[in-house]
Amino acid sequence: MTDAPLIEIEGVEKYYGDYHALRGITAGIGAGEFFSLLGPSGCGKTTLLRAIAGFEDISAGRILIAGRNMDGVPPNRRPTNLVFQSYAIFPHLSVAENVGFGLRRAEMSTADKRRAVGEALEMVGLGQYGGRAAHALSGGQRQRVALARALILKPKVLLLDEPLSALDKKMREQMQVELRRLQRQVGITFVLVTHDQEEALIMSDRIAVMFEGEIAQLDAPEALYRRPASRKVGEFIGMMNFLPAQVGVSGVTQGGIAVEVAGLGPTVLQSAQCPGAARPGAAEVGVRPESLTVLFDEGTPAAHRATGRVDEITYYGDMTYYEITLEGAPKSVQVSARNMPGRRLLDRGETVALAWDPSSLVLFC
């Protein structure tokens, strides 16, 4: 990935009659970047993707690709290719014929076209499938054919509209890894639309989280997860517990922000842990389930401890999630624990001690 933006989105607006679908979207997407648009249904992510592809006109603003304004440029003239959610595979054609479909008008010899199709199929791990009927493929294989058909045209940008949503969980997880590997191999810019937070975190260099036609936060996956810019982002990305808190009357000092957290007690947070302006009074603190550590041995030393009661247990094999009501907190929090050999499961109703670190907290004022 380079620092120079390949795609520049500047103040993009989109209206459908009175409905305001995109609201002043501004972002830059780098050459060679795996960039994801993440958000719930109806947030505008697919509309923005289709605007980049040229399938949607924008009401205001502009989109530039490689420095060229795309205003009035039709989809087939843009240096992009779009892989649809449905894959749009032609069932009456073979795999090779599907992949080579976009080359039918290219000024290439038959031998060169055949070679390009073979290289594209090898790239997606389907080198031996060229002669197979497209309707005989599995869902994962059809997805790879759609990728090969898009990549054979050597676009500067590959646009992906929830391409894995039709796959089962195991195949989806496998294809997430393979798609990321493929992007690194070809080195072009991928822009992915997804509503799956885990998928975006796994695959992306950067993620734009969208709500109601706006970008709420654009950041690297770890920054989004560890330091969400708002409660709404923290709630949407993974699981986050929220506890009532009280910011001290002194507010922000050189020593940090003095906070009393329900169930955890008094602590001091740094300014970087508060995405907004810290001010005295009621607030909330966010903490991830893995940042609350069950002390299976009560004698384990911990600088910051809390006590609670186990209300519910959810076993996932490698992990167990406990709902624990902390002393002094109005509701339970979710706590995750890895299932290690010899580590027992807690019982419902059991009183447990938890360790926590102030650096893992996020303050929302």
Protein backbone atom coordinates (compact mmCIF):
# COMPACT_ATOMS: atom_id res chain seq x y z
CA MET A 1 0.00 0.00 0.00
CA THR A 2 1.23 3.50 -0.86
CA ASP A 3 0.46 6.77 0.90
CA ALA A 4 -1.01 8.39 -2.23
CA PRO A 5 -4.80 7.93 -2.48
CA LEU A 6 -5.89 6.07 -5.59
CA ILE A 7 -9.56 6.84 -4.91
CA GLU A 8 -10.52 10.29 -3.64
CA ILE A 9 -14.09 10.74 -2.39
CA GLU A 10 -14.85 14.40 -1.77
CA GLY A 11 -18.07 15.61 -0.16
CA VAL A 12 -20.25 13.02 -1.89
CA GLU A 13 -24.01 13.41 -1.47
CA LYS A 14 -26.73 11.15 -2.80
CA TYR A 15 -30.48 11.75 -2.72
CA TYR A 16 -33.28 9.43 -3.79
CA GLY A 17 -36.07 11.96 -3.90
CA ASP A 18 -36.31 13.21 -0.31
CA TYR A 19 -34.23 10.36 1.07
CA HIS A 20 -30.67 11.45 1.90
CA ALA A 21 -28.62 8.25 1.29
CA LEU A 22 -25.09 9.69 1.43
CA ARG A 23 -24.26 12.72 3.56
CA GLY A 24 -21.02 14.51 2.71
CA ILE A 25 -18.82 11.41 2.43
CA THR A 26 -15.10 12.26 2.27
CA ALA A 27 -12.37 9.62 2.27
CA GLY A 28 -9.18 8.59 0.52
CA ILE A 29 -8.38 4.98 -0.42
CA GLY A 30 -4.76 4.10 -1.08
CA ALA A 31 -3.29 2.17 -3.98
CA GLY A 32 -2.91 -1.48 -2.95
CA GLU A 33 -5.14 -1.04 0.10
CA PHE A 34 -7.77 -3.50 1.30
CA PHE A 35 -10.49 -1.06 2.34
CA SER A 36 -13.84 -2.03 3.83
CA LEU A 37 -17.15 -0.19 4.08
CA LEU A 38 -18.84 -1.59 7.18
CA GLY A 39 -22.25 -0.85 8.61
CA PRO A 40 -25.79 -2.09 9.16
CA SER A 41 -28.31 -2.53 6.33
CA GLY A 42 -29.41 0.79 4.87
CA CYS A 43 -26.38 2.79 6.04
CA GLY A 44 -25.30 3.71 2.47
CA LYS A 45 -22.28 1.44 2.03
CA THR A 46 -23.54 -0.31 -1.12
CA THR A 47 -24.73 3.01 -2.57
CA LEU A 48 -21.22 4.41 -2.10
CA LEU A 49 -19.65 1.31 -3.69
CA ARG A 50 -21.97 1.57 -6.70
CA ALA A 51 -21.16 5.28 -6.99
CA ILE A 52 -17.44 4.44 -7.21
CA ALA A 53 -18.27 1.81 -9.86
CA GLY A 54 -20.40 4.28 -11.84
CA PHE A 55 -23.71 2.46 -11.40
CA GLU A 56 -25.10 5.30 -9.25
CA ASP A 57 -24.95 8.99 -10.10
CA ILE A 58 -24.07 11.25 -7.18
CA SER A 59 -26.05 14.36 -6.27
CA ALA A 60 -23.05 16.45 -5.20
CA GLY A 61 -19.31 16.15 -4.61
CA ARG A 62 -16.91 14.18 -6.74
CA ILE A 63 -15.07 10.88 -7.01
CA LEU A 64 -11.60 10.71 -8.51
CA ILE A 65 -9.73 7.54 -9.44
CA ALA A 66 -6.01 7.86 -10.22
CA GLY A 67 -6.47 11.64 -10.30
CA ARG A 68 -9.26 11.58 -12.90
CA ASN A 69 -12.70 12.94 -12.10
CA MET A 70 -15.24 10.16 -12.70
CA ASP A 71 -18.15 12.53 -13.27
CA GLY A 72 -19.95 11.33 -16.40
CA VAL A 73 -17.62 8.35 -16.91
CA PRO A 74 -19.70 5.18 -17.48
CA PRO A 75 -18.92 1.95 -15.57
CA ASN A 76 -17.24 0.25 -18.54
CA ARG A 77 -14.83 3.18 -18.91
CA ARG A 78 -13.71 3.21 -15.28
CA PRO A 79 -10.60 1.34 -14.06
CA THR A 80 -12.82 -0.72 -11.75
CA ASN A 81 -14.60 -4.04 -11.75
CA LEU A 82 -17.47 -5.05 -9.49
CA VAL A 83 -18.05 -8.52 -8.05
CA PHE A 84 -21.74 -8.74 -7.22
CA GLN A 85 -23.25 -10.45 -4.21
CA SER A 86 -24.95 -13.00 -6.49
CA TYR A 87 -21.71 -13.67 -8.49
CA ALA A 88 -23.73 -13.45 -11.78
CA ILE A 89 -22.20 -16.67 -13.16
CA PHE A 90 -23.58 -17.79 -16.56
CA PRO A 91 -24.80 -21.36 -15.89
CA HIS A 92 -24.80 -22.38 -19.59
CA LEU A 93 -21.09 -21.56 -19.99
CA SER A 94 -18.06 -23.48 -18.78
CA VAL A 95 -15.80 -22.13 -16.06
CA ALA A 96 -13.21 -20.99 -18.63
CA GLU A 97 -15.90 -19.34 -20.78
CA ASN A 98 -17.22 -17.46 -17.75
CA VAL A 99 -13.77 -16.23 -16.78
CA GLY A 100 -12.91 -15.17 -20.34
CA PHE A 101 -16.27 -13.50 -21.02
CA GLY A 102 -14.90 -9.99 -20.58
CA LEU A 103 -12.13 -10.63 -23.12
CA ARG A 104 -14.44 -11.49 -26.00
CA ARG A 105 -13.94 -8.05 -27.61
CA ALA A 106 -10.33 -7.59 -26.51
CA GLU A 107 -7.70 -7.22 -29.22
CA MET A 108 -5.91 -10.42 -28.24
CA SER A 109 -5.18 -13.62 -30.08
CA THR A 110 -7.09 -16.75 -29.15
CA ALA A 111 -3.92 -18.20 -27.65
CA ASP A 112 -3.34 -15.11 -25.51
CA LYS A 113 -6.93 -15.17 -24.28
CA ARG A 114 -6.62 -18.86 -23.39
CA ARG A 115 -3.39 -18.15 -21.54
CA ALA A 116 -4.96 -15.22 -19.63
CA VAL A 117 -7.91 -17.40 -18.60
CA GLY A 118 -5.55 -20.12 -17.39
CA GLU A 119 -3.51 -17.65 -15.34
CA ALA A 120 -6.65 -16.16 -13.78
CA LEU A 121 -7.95 -19.62 -12.83
CA GLU A 122 -4.58 -20.58 -11.33
CA MET A 123 -4.64 -17.36 -9.32
CA VAL A 124 -7.89 -18.36 -7.61
CA GLY A 125 -6.99 -22.04 -7.21
CA LEU A 126 -9.19 -23.39 -10.03
CA GLY A 127 -6.52 -24.28 -12.57
CA GLN A 128 -8.03 -27.71 -13.28
CA TYR A 129 -11.64 -26.54 -13.50
CA GLY A 130 -11.68 -24.68 -16.83
CA GLY A 131 -13.74 -27.28 -18.67
CA ARG A 132 -16.26 -27.86 -15.90
CA ALA A 133 -19.85 -26.68 -16.27
CA ALA A 134 -20.47 -23.59 -14.15
CA HIS A 135 -23.72 -24.98 -12.73
CA ALA A 136 -21.76 -27.93 -11.24
CA LEU A 137 -19.67 -25.70 -8.94
CA SER A 138 -20.03 -25.22 -5.20
CA GLY A 139 -20.77 -21.78 -3.73
CA GLY A 140 -17.12 -21.19 -2.89
CA GLN A 141 -16.01 -22.21 -6.38
CA ARG A 142 -18.56 -19.89 -8.02
CA GLN A 143 -17.23 -17.06 -5.88
CA ARG A 144 -13.70 -17.78 -7.13
CA VAL A 145 -14.90 -17.84 -10.74
CA ALA A 146 -16.47 -14.40 -10.24
CA LEU A 147 -13.17 -13.11 -8.81
CA ALA A 148 -11.16 -14.57 -11.71
CA ARG A 149 -13.56 -13.02 -14.24
CA ALA A 150 -13.14 -9.61 -12.58
CA LEU A 151 -9.36 -9.83 -12.18
CA ILE A 152 -8.66 -10.98 -15.76
CA LEU A 153 -9.45 -7.45 -16.94
CA LYS A 154 -6.66 -6.10 -14.69
CA PRO A 155 -8.64 -3.28 -13.03
CA LYS A 156 -6.96 -0.75 -10.77
CA VAL A 157 -9.76 -1.29 -8.24
CA LEU A 158 -11.78 -4.40 -7.44
CA LEU A 159 -15.12 -3.63 -5.79
CA LEU A 160 -16.74 -6.40 -3.73
CA ASP A 161 -20.40 -6.21 -2.73
CA GLU A 162 -20.76 -8.68 0.17
CA PRO A 163 -19.22 -11.49 -1.93
CA LEU A 164 -19.14 -14.04 0.90
CA SER A 165 -22.64 -13.60 2.30
CA ALA A 166 -24.09 -16.67 0.53
CA LEU A 167 -21.46 -19.07 1.89
CA ASP A 168 -21.74 -21.24 4.98
CA LYS A 169 -19.70 -20.27 8.04
CA LYS A 170 -16.75 -22.61 7.45
CA MET A 171 -16.42 -21.77 3.76
CA ARG A 172 -16.85 -18.08 4.53
CA GLU A 173 -13.97 -18.14 7.02
CA GLN A 174 -11.78 -20.00 4.53
CA MET A 175 -12.57 -17.53 1.74
CA GLN A 176 -11.84 -14.55 3.98
CA VAL A 177 -8.25 -15.76 4.33
CA GLU A 178 -7.97 -16.66 0.63
CA LEU A 179 -9.38 -13.31 -0.52
CA ARG A 180 -6.88 -11.45 1.65
CA ARG A 181 -4.05 -13.60 0.27
CA LEU A 182 -5.26 -12.96 -3.27
CA GLN A 183 -5.36 -9.21 -2.71
CA ARG A 184 -1.77 -9.22 -1.50
CA GLN A 185 -0.76 -11.39 -4.45
CA VAL A 186 -2.25 -9.16 -7.16
CA GLY A 187 -1.44 -5.92 -5.30
CA ILE A 188 -4.47 -3.93 -6.46
CA THR A 189 -6.93 -1.95 -4.39
CA PHE A 190 -9.87 -3.93 -3.01
CA VAL A 191 -12.96 -2.14 -1.67
CA LEU A 192 -15.26 -4.48 0.25
CA VAL A 193 -18.83 -3.86 1.40
CA THR A 194 -19.84 -5.97 4.40
CA HIS A 195 -22.14 -5.88 7.42
CA ASP A 196 -20.01 -8.53 9.16
CA GLN A 197 -17.73 -6.86 11.74
CA GLU A 198 -15.48 -9.90 12.14
CA GLU A 199 -15.02 -10.17 8.37
CA ALA A 200 -13.98 -6.51 8.13
CA LEU A 201 -11.54 -6.81 11.05
CA ILE A 202 -9.89 -9.92 9.56
CA MET A 203 -9.48 -8.68 6.00
CA SER A 204 -8.98 -4.93 6.04
CA ASP A 205 -6.10 -2.49 6.18
CA ARG A 206 -8.63 0.21 7.08
CA ILE A 207 -12.35 0.26 7.75
CA ALA A 208 -14.94 3.01 7.30
CA VAL A 209 -17.81 2.42 9.73
CA MET A 210 -21.00 3.94 8.34
CA PHE A 211 -24.31 4.87 9.95
CA GLU A 212 -27.19 6.66 8.23
CA GLY A 213 -25.21 7.79 5.21
CA GLU A 214 -22.19 9.10 7.13
CA ILE A 215 -18.76 7.77 8.08
CA ALA A 216 -18.72 7.53 11.87
CA GLN A 217 -15.07 6.46 12.05
CA LEU A 218 -12.37 5.57 9.52
CA ASP A 219 -9.44 3.75 11.05
CA ALA A 220 -7.28 0.63 11.16
CA PRO A 221 -9.02 -2.46 12.58
CA GLU A 222 -7.15 -2.42 15.91
CA ALA A 223 -7.80 1.27 16.46
CA LEU A 224 -11.51 0.80 15.74
CA TYR A 225 -11.70 -2.07 18.19
CA ARG A 226 -9.52 -0.63 20.97
CA ARG A 227 -10.40 3.06 20.66
CA PRO A 228 -13.87 3.51 19.13
CA ALA A 229 -14.68 7.16 18.46
CA SER A 230 -18.21 6.86 19.87
CA ARG A 231 -20.39 4.55 21.92
CA LYS A 232 -22.25 3.61 18.72
CA VAL A 233 -19.06 2.45 17.02
CA GLY A 234 -17.92 0.57 20.14
CA GLU A 235 -21.30 -1.15 20.34
CA PHE A 236 -21.23 -2.10 16.64
CA ILE A 237 -17.65 -3.40 16.44
CA GLY A 238 -17.54 -6.66 18.37
CA MET A 239 -18.88 -6.89 21.92
CA MET A 240 -18.38 -4.08 24.41
CA ASN A 241 -19.68 -3.73 27.96
CA PHE A 242 -20.86 -0.31 29.12
CA LEU A 243 -20.77 0.70 32.77
CA PRO A 244 -22.05 3.96 34.33
CA ALA A 245 -19.25 6.28 35.41
CA GLN A 246 -18.75 9.62 37.08
CA VAL A 247 -16.02 12.01 35.95
CA GLY A 248 -14.53 13.93 38.86
CA VAL A 249 -15.13 17.65 39.26
CA SER A 250 -11.50 18.34 38.43
CA GLY A 251 -12.12 16.94 34.93
CA VAL A 252 -8.93 16.62 32.90
CA THR A 253 -5.66 17.37 34.66
CA GLN A 254 -2.04 16.70 33.80
CA GLY A 255 -2.37 13.46 35.72
CA GLY A 256 -5.29 12.29 33.57
CA ILE A 257 -9.06 12.01 34.03
CA ALA A 258 -10.33 10.93 37.45
CA VAL A 259 -13.26 8.54 36.99
CA GLU A 260 -15.42 6.45 39.32
CA VAL A 261 -16.71 3.39 37.41
CA ALA A 262 -19.68 1.39 38.71
CA GLY A 263 -18.48 -2.08 39.65
CA LEU A 264 -14.79 -1.28 39.08
CA GLY A 265 -14.20 1.66 41.40
CA PRO A 266 -12.01 4.76 41.08
CA THR A 267 -9.33 5.03 38.42
CA VAL A 268 -7.44 7.57 36.33
CA LEU A 269 -7.68 7.47 32.53
CA GLN A 270 -5.56 9.21 29.91
CA SER A 271 -6.98 11.78 27.50
CA ALA A 272 -6.46 9.35 24.58
CA GLN A 273 -9.00 7.03 26.23
CA CYS A 274 -11.75 9.62 25.83
CA PRO A 275 -12.75 10.17 22.18
CA GLY A 276 -14.68 13.32 23.06
CA ALA A 277 -14.11 16.17 25.46
CA ALA A 278 -14.07 14.90 29.05
CA ARG A 279 -16.22 16.93 31.38
CA PRO A 280 -17.30 16.49 35.00
CA GLY A 281 -20.49 14.54 35.56
CA ALA A 282 -22.20 11.37 34.39
CA ALA A 283 -20.54 9.33 31.67
CA GLU A 284 -20.09 5.73 30.53
CA VAL A 285 -17.05 3.50 30.34
CA GLY A 286 -16.67 0.80 27.70
CA VAL A 287 -14.64 -2.36 28.28
CA ARG A 288 -14.23 -5.45 26.08
CA PRO A 289 -15.04 -8.94 27.47
CA GLU A 290 -11.43 -10.13 27.12
CA SER A 291 -10.20 -7.13 29.14
CA LEU A 292 -11.93 -8.46 32.26
CA THR A 293 -9.88 -11.42 33.49
CA VAL A 294 -11.37 -14.11 35.70
CA LEU A 295 -9.01 -14.87 38.62
CA PHE A 296 -9.53 -18.62 38.91
CA ASP A 297 -6.96 -18.56 41.69
CA GLU A 298 -8.06 -15.88 44.15
CA GLY A 299 -4.50 -15.55 45.38
CA THR A 300 -3.35 -14.21 41.98
CA PRO A 301 -2.00 -10.67 42.50
CA ALA A 302 -3.81 -7.93 40.58
CA ALA A 303 -3.47 -4.16 40.86
CA HIS A 304 -7.15 -3.63 40.02
CA ARG A 305 -9.79 -6.12 41.14
CA ALA A 306 -13.56 -6.39 41.10
CA THR A 307 -15.97 -8.93 42.53
CA GLY A 308 -19.10 -10.31 40.94
CA ARG A 309 -21.61 -13.16 40.64
CA VAL A 310 -21.85 -15.51 37.65
CA ASP A 311 -25.37 -15.24 36.18
CA GLU A 312 -25.05 -17.09 32.86
CA ILE A 313 -22.55 -19.31 31.02
CA THR A 314 -22.15 -19.77 27.25
CA TYR A 315 -19.66 -22.44 26.17
CA TYR A 316 -18.05 -22.16 22.70
CA GLY A 317 -15.42 -24.89 22.92
CA ASP A 318 -12.27 -22.77 22.77
CA MET A 319 -13.87 -19.94 24.77
CA THR A 320 -16.47 -19.55 27.48
CA TYR A 321 -18.46 -16.35 27.92
CA TYR A 322 -19.75 -15.51 31.37
CA GLU A 323 -22.38 -12.94 32.28
CA ILE A 324 -21.24 -11.54 35.61
CA THR A 325 -22.97 -8.94 37.75
CA LEU A 326 -20.34 -6.80 39.45
CA GLU A 327 -20.84 -5.52 42.97
CA GLY A 328 -22.04 -1.93 42.65
CA ALA A 329 -22.99 -2.22 38.95
CA PRO A 330 -26.62 -2.00 37.76
CA LYS A 331 -26.31 -4.74 35.11
CA SER A 332 -24.17 -7.71 34.18
CA VAL A 333 -21.08 -7.58 31.99
CA GLN A 334 -19.84 -10.19 29.56
CA VAL A 335 -16.45 -11.71 30.38
CA SER A 336 -14.57 -14.10 28.09
CA ALA A 337 -12.17 -16.80 29.26
CA ARG A 338 -10.09 -19.13 27.10
CA ASN A 339 -10.64 -22.80 27.92
CA MET A 340 -7.18 -24.04 28.87
CA PRO A 341 -6.36 -27.69 29.73
CA GLY A 342 -7.10 -28.20 33.42
CA ARG A 343 -9.07 -24.95 33.74
CA ARG A 344 -12.49 -25.56 35.26
CA LEU A 345 -15.74 -23.93 34.21
CA LEU A 346 -17.35 -21.58 36.69
CA ASP A 347 -20.79 -22.35 38.09
CA ARG A 348 -23.90 -20.18 37.96
CA GLY A 349 -24.29 -18.25 41.18
CA GLU A 350 -20.56 -18.51 41.98
CA THR A 351 -18.79 -15.45 43.35
CA VAL A 352 -15.65 -14.62 41.37
CA ALA A 353 -12.85 -12.06 41.36
CA LEU A 354 -11.92 -10.20 38.17
CA ALA A 355 -8.77 -8.31 37.27
CA TRP A 356 -8.84 -5.32 34.93
CA ASP A 357 -6.44 -2.72 33.59
CA PRO A 358 -7.32 1.00 33.36
CA SER A 359 -5.65 1.21 29.92
CA SER A 360 -8.34 -1.09 28.46
CA LEU A 361 -11.19 1.31 29.30
CA VAL A 362 -12.77 3.84 26.93
CA LEU A 363 -14.60 6.85 28.38
CA PHE A 364 -17.71 8.14 26.60
CA CYS A 365 -18.86 11.51 27.92
